[in-house]
């Protein structure tokens, strides 16, 4: 998330349309084994992103304040020898 924020800051400096950049930005999240934790992470990220877009980058368009994310299964190791007991 902080890396996406830095890209937004860099795009703001040369005078690029920041709303177009925000619409095309994608953020990657790692999904673990805990389903509800992952949902909470996505909800928090969505709220943080929208707040950051409105406060720091002065974007008022609700579509530009949406975060587009994709998930990849995390690197968490599942020990089936203890999980199946």
N, C-alpha and C. Protein backbone atom coordinates (compact mmCIF):
# COMPACT_ATOMS: atom_id res chain seq x y z
N UNK A 1 0.83 -1.18 0.00
CA UNK A 1 0.00 0.00 0.00
C UNK A 1 0.88 1.26 0.00
N UNK A 2 1.97 1.21 0.75
CA UNK A 2 2.84 2.39 0.79
C UNK A 2 3.54 2.60 -0.55
N UNK A 3 3.81 1.50 -1.25
CA UNK A 3 4.44 1.62 -2.57
C UNK A 3 3.48 2.28 -3.56
N UNK A 4 2.22 1.92 -3.50
CA UNK A 4 1.21 2.55 -4.37
C UNK A 4 1.08 4.04 -4.05
N UNK A 5 1.18 4.36 -2.77
CA UNK A 5 1.11 5.76 -2.35
C UNK A 5 2.28 6.56 -2.93
N UNK A 6 3.45 5.98 -2.94
CA UNK A 6 4.62 6.66 -3.51
C UNK A 6 4.48 6.85 -5.01
N UNK A 7 3.91 5.87 -5.71
CA UNK A 7 3.64 6.02 -7.14
C UNK A 7 2.67 7.16 -7.39
N UNK A 8 1.67 7.28 -6.52
CA UNK A 8 0.70 8.38 -6.65
C UNK A 8 1.39 9.72 -6.44
N UNK A 9 2.26 9.80 -5.45
CA UNK A 9 3.00 11.05 -5.20
C UNK A 9 3.88 11.40 -6.38
N UNK A 10 4.55 10.41 -6.94
CA UNK A 10 5.42 10.66 -8.09
C UNK A 10 4.63 11.12 -9.31
N UNK A 11 3.44 10.58 -9.49
CA UNK A 11 2.61 10.97 -10.64
C UNK A 11 2.04 12.37 -10.46
N UNK A 12 1.87 12.79 -9.22
CA UNK A 12 1.29 14.11 -8.95
C UNK A 12 2.27 15.23 -9.30
N UNK A 13 3.54 14.99 -9.15
CA UNK A 13 4.54 16.04 -9.36
C UNK A 13 4.60 16.56 -10.79
N UNK A 14 4.67 15.71 -11.83
CA UNK A 14 4.79 16.27 -13.18
C UNK A 14 3.47 16.78 -13.78
N UNK A 15 2.38 16.75 -13.03
CA UNK A 15 1.13 17.29 -13.54
C UNK A 15 0.27 16.30 -14.29
N UNK A 16 0.48 15.02 -14.07
CA UNK A 16 -0.34 13.98 -14.69
C UNK A 16 -1.71 14.00 -14.03
N UNK A 17 -2.75 13.64 -14.77
CA UNK A 17 -4.09 13.56 -14.20
C UNK A 17 -4.12 12.45 -13.15
N UNK A 18 -4.18 12.85 -11.90
CA UNK A 18 -4.05 11.93 -10.79
C UNK A 18 -5.25 10.97 -10.69
N UNK A 19 -6.41 11.39 -11.16
CA UNK A 19 -7.60 10.52 -11.13
C UNK A 19 -7.43 9.34 -12.09
N UNK A 20 -6.82 9.58 -13.24
CA UNK A 20 -6.57 8.48 -14.17
C UNK A 20 -5.57 7.49 -13.60
N UNK A 21 -4.57 8.00 -12.91
CA UNK A 21 -3.58 7.14 -12.28
C UNK A 21 -4.24 6.31 -11.18
N UNK A 22 -5.08 6.95 -10.39
CA UNK A 22 -5.77 6.25 -9.30
C UNK A 22 -6.68 5.15 -9.84
N UNK A 23 -7.34 5.40 -10.98
CA UNK A 23 -8.22 4.40 -11.57
C UNK A 23 -7.46 3.18 -12.08
N UNK A 24 -6.21 3.37 -12.49
CA UNK A 24 -5.46 2.26 -13.05
C UNK A 24 -4.52 1.58 -12.04
N UNK A 25 -4.50 2.06 -10.81
CA UNK A 25 -3.61 1.50 -9.80
C UNK A 25 -4.16 0.19 -9.26
N UNK A 26 -3.28 -0.81 -9.11
CA UNK A 26 -3.64 -2.10 -8.53
C UNK A 26 -2.72 -2.37 -7.34
N UNK A 27 -3.29 -2.92 -6.30
CA UNK A 27 -2.54 -3.25 -5.09
C UNK A 27 -2.66 -4.75 -4.86
N UNK A 28 -1.55 -5.39 -4.53
CA UNK A 28 -1.54 -6.84 -4.30
C UNK A 28 -1.59 -7.12 -2.80
N UNK A 29 -2.39 -8.09 -2.43
CA UNK A 29 -2.48 -8.54 -1.05
C UNK A 29 -2.24 -10.04 -1.00
N UNK A 30 -1.72 -10.46 0.10
CA UNK A 30 -1.50 -11.89 0.32
C UNK A 30 -2.66 -12.43 1.14
N UNK A 31 -3.24 -13.53 0.70
CA UNK A 31 -4.35 -14.15 1.40
C UNK A 31 -3.83 -15.37 2.13
N UNK A 32 -4.15 -15.42 3.40
CA UNK A 32 -3.72 -16.55 4.21
C UNK A 32 -4.83 -17.55 4.41
N UNK A 33 -4.65 -18.39 5.38
CA UNK A 33 -5.60 -19.47 5.63
C UNK A 33 -6.84 -18.97 6.40
N UNK A 34 -6.67 -17.86 7.13
CA UNK A 34 -7.78 -17.32 7.92
C UNK A 34 -8.67 -16.45 7.03
N UNK A 35 -9.82 -16.98 6.68
CA UNK A 35 -10.75 -16.32 5.76
C UNK A 35 -11.23 -14.97 6.29
N UNK A 36 -11.62 -14.93 7.56
CA UNK A 36 -12.18 -13.71 8.13
C UNK A 36 -11.10 -12.63 8.31
N UNK A 37 -9.89 -13.05 8.59
CA UNK A 37 -8.79 -12.09 8.68
C UNK A 37 -8.54 -11.44 7.33
N UNK A 38 -8.61 -12.23 6.28
CA UNK A 38 -8.40 -11.70 4.93
C UNK A 38 -9.50 -10.72 4.56
N UNK A 39 -10.73 -11.03 4.90
CA UNK A 39 -11.84 -10.11 4.62
C UNK A 39 -11.65 -8.80 5.36
N UNK A 40 -11.24 -8.89 6.63
CA UNK A 40 -11.01 -7.68 7.42
C UNK A 40 -9.88 -6.85 6.82
N UNK A 41 -8.86 -7.52 6.31
CA UNK A 41 -7.74 -6.82 5.69
C UNK A 41 -8.20 -6.07 4.44
N UNK A 42 -9.03 -6.70 3.63
CA UNK A 42 -9.52 -6.04 2.42
C UNK A 42 -10.42 -4.86 2.74
N UNK A 43 -11.28 -5.02 3.73
CA UNK A 43 -12.16 -3.92 4.12
C UNK A 43 -11.36 -2.73 4.65
N UNK A 44 -10.37 -3.01 5.49
CA UNK A 44 -9.54 -1.94 6.04
C UNK A 44 -8.75 -1.25 4.93
N UNK A 45 -8.23 -2.02 4.00
CA UNK A 45 -7.46 -1.44 2.90
C UNK A 45 -8.35 -0.55 2.03
N UNK A 46 -9.56 -1.00 1.79
CA UNK A 46 -10.48 -0.20 0.98
C UNK A 46 -10.77 1.14 1.63
N UNK A 47 -10.98 1.14 2.94
CA UNK A 47 -11.27 2.38 3.66
C UNK A 47 -10.04 3.28 3.72
N UNK A 48 -8.87 2.68 3.98
CA UNK A 48 -7.64 3.47 4.04
C UNK A 48 -7.32 4.12 2.70
N UNK A 49 -7.51 3.37 1.63
CA UNK A 49 -7.22 3.89 0.29
C UNK A 49 -8.14 5.06 -0.05
N UNK A 50 -9.43 4.90 0.21
CA UNK A 50 -10.38 5.97 -0.11
C UNK A 50 -10.07 7.23 0.71
N UNK A 51 -9.75 7.04 1.97
CA UNK A 51 -9.43 8.18 2.83
C UNK A 51 -8.15 8.88 2.35
N UNK A 52 -7.16 8.09 1.96
CA UNK A 52 -5.91 8.65 1.46
C UNK A 52 -6.14 9.42 0.16
N UNK A 53 -6.96 8.87 -0.73
CA UNK A 53 -7.22 9.55 -2.00
C UNK A 53 -7.92 10.89 -1.77
N UNK A 54 -8.88 10.91 -0.85
CA UNK A 54 -9.61 12.15 -0.58
C UNK A 54 -8.75 13.18 0.15
N UNK A 55 -8.04 12.76 1.18
CA UNK A 55 -7.31 13.71 2.04
C UNK A 55 -5.99 14.16 1.41
N UNK A 56 -5.18 13.21 0.97
CA UNK A 56 -3.84 13.56 0.52
C UNK A 56 -3.80 14.01 -0.94
N UNK A 57 -4.63 13.41 -1.78
CA UNK A 57 -4.57 13.72 -3.20
C UNK A 57 -5.77 14.52 -3.70
N UNK A 58 -6.67 14.88 -2.81
CA UNK A 58 -7.83 15.74 -3.11
C UNK A 58 -8.67 15.22 -4.26
N UNK A 59 -8.91 13.93 -4.28
CA UNK A 59 -9.74 13.31 -5.31
C UNK A 59 -11.16 13.19 -4.76
N UNK A 60 -12.11 13.74 -5.46
CA UNK A 60 -13.49 13.71 -5.02
C UNK A 60 -14.34 12.69 -5.78
N UNK A 61 -13.86 12.25 -6.93
CA UNK A 61 -14.59 11.27 -7.73
C UNK A 61 -14.61 9.93 -7.00
N UNK A 62 -15.81 9.41 -6.64
CA UNK A 62 -15.88 8.15 -5.89
C UNK A 62 -15.27 6.96 -6.63
N UNK A 63 -15.36 6.95 -7.96
CA UNK A 63 -14.76 5.84 -8.72
C UNK A 63 -13.24 5.86 -8.63
N UNK A 64 -12.66 7.03 -8.58
CA UNK A 64 -11.21 7.14 -8.48
C UNK A 64 -10.71 6.81 -7.08
N UNK A 65 -11.59 6.84 -6.11
CA UNK A 65 -11.22 6.52 -4.72
C UNK A 65 -11.30 5.03 -4.42
N UNK A 66 -11.72 4.23 -5.38
CA UNK A 66 -11.81 2.79 -5.16
C UNK A 66 -10.44 2.16 -5.32
N UNK A 67 -10.17 1.18 -4.50
CA UNK A 67 -8.92 0.44 -4.62
C UNK A 67 -9.20 -0.82 -5.43
N UNK A 68 -8.34 -1.08 -6.38
CA UNK A 68 -8.43 -2.31 -7.16
C UNK A 68 -7.31 -3.20 -6.66
N UNK A 69 -7.68 -4.36 -6.16
CA UNK A 69 -6.65 -5.24 -5.62
C UNK A 69 -6.84 -6.65 -6.13
N UNK A 70 -5.76 -7.37 -6.09
CA UNK A 70 -5.82 -8.79 -6.41
C UNK A 70 -5.10 -9.51 -5.28
N UNK A 71 -5.43 -10.76 -5.13
CA UNK A 71 -4.82 -11.49 -4.04
C UNK A 71 -4.05 -12.69 -4.57
N UNK A 72 -3.05 -13.01 -3.84
CA UNK A 72 -2.24 -14.19 -4.12
C UNK A 72 -2.19 -14.99 -2.83
N UNK A 73 -2.27 -16.27 -2.97
CA UNK A 73 -2.23 -17.09 -1.76
C UNK A 73 -0.91 -16.87 -1.07
N UNK A 74 -0.96 -16.64 0.23
CA UNK A 74 0.22 -16.28 1.00
C UNK A 74 1.25 -17.38 1.11
N UNK A 75 2.33 -17.03 1.73
CA UNK A 75 3.44 -17.96 1.92
C UNK A 75 3.31 -18.70 3.24
N UNK A 76 2.15 -18.70 3.81
CA UNK A 76 1.96 -19.36 5.10
C UNK A 76 2.01 -20.88 4.91
N UNK A 77 2.68 -21.52 5.79
CA UNK A 77 2.83 -22.97 5.73
C UNK A 77 1.71 -23.62 6.53
N UNK A 78 1.05 -24.57 5.94
CA UNK A 78 -0.01 -25.31 6.62
C UNK A 78 0.56 -26.66 7.03
N UNK A 79 0.62 -26.90 8.31
CA UNK A 79 1.15 -28.17 8.82
C UNK A 79 -0.02 -29.15 8.93
N UNK A 80 -0.19 -30.00 7.92
CA UNK A 80 -1.32 -30.92 7.91
C UNK A 80 -1.18 -32.02 8.95
N UNK A 81 0.02 -32.28 9.42
CA UNK A 81 0.18 -33.33 10.42
C UNK A 81 -0.48 -32.95 11.74
N UNK A 82 -0.51 -31.65 12.06
CA UNK A 82 -1.18 -31.25 13.30
C UNK A 82 -2.61 -30.76 13.02
N UNK A 83 -2.89 -30.33 11.82
CA UNK A 83 -4.22 -29.83 11.50
C UNK A 83 -5.25 -30.95 11.41
N UNK A 84 -4.82 -32.14 11.09
CA UNK A 84 -5.76 -33.26 10.89
C UNK A 84 -5.96 -34.11 12.14
N UNK A 85 -5.37 -33.74 13.24
CA UNK A 85 -5.51 -34.56 14.47
C UNK A 85 -6.81 -34.26 15.18
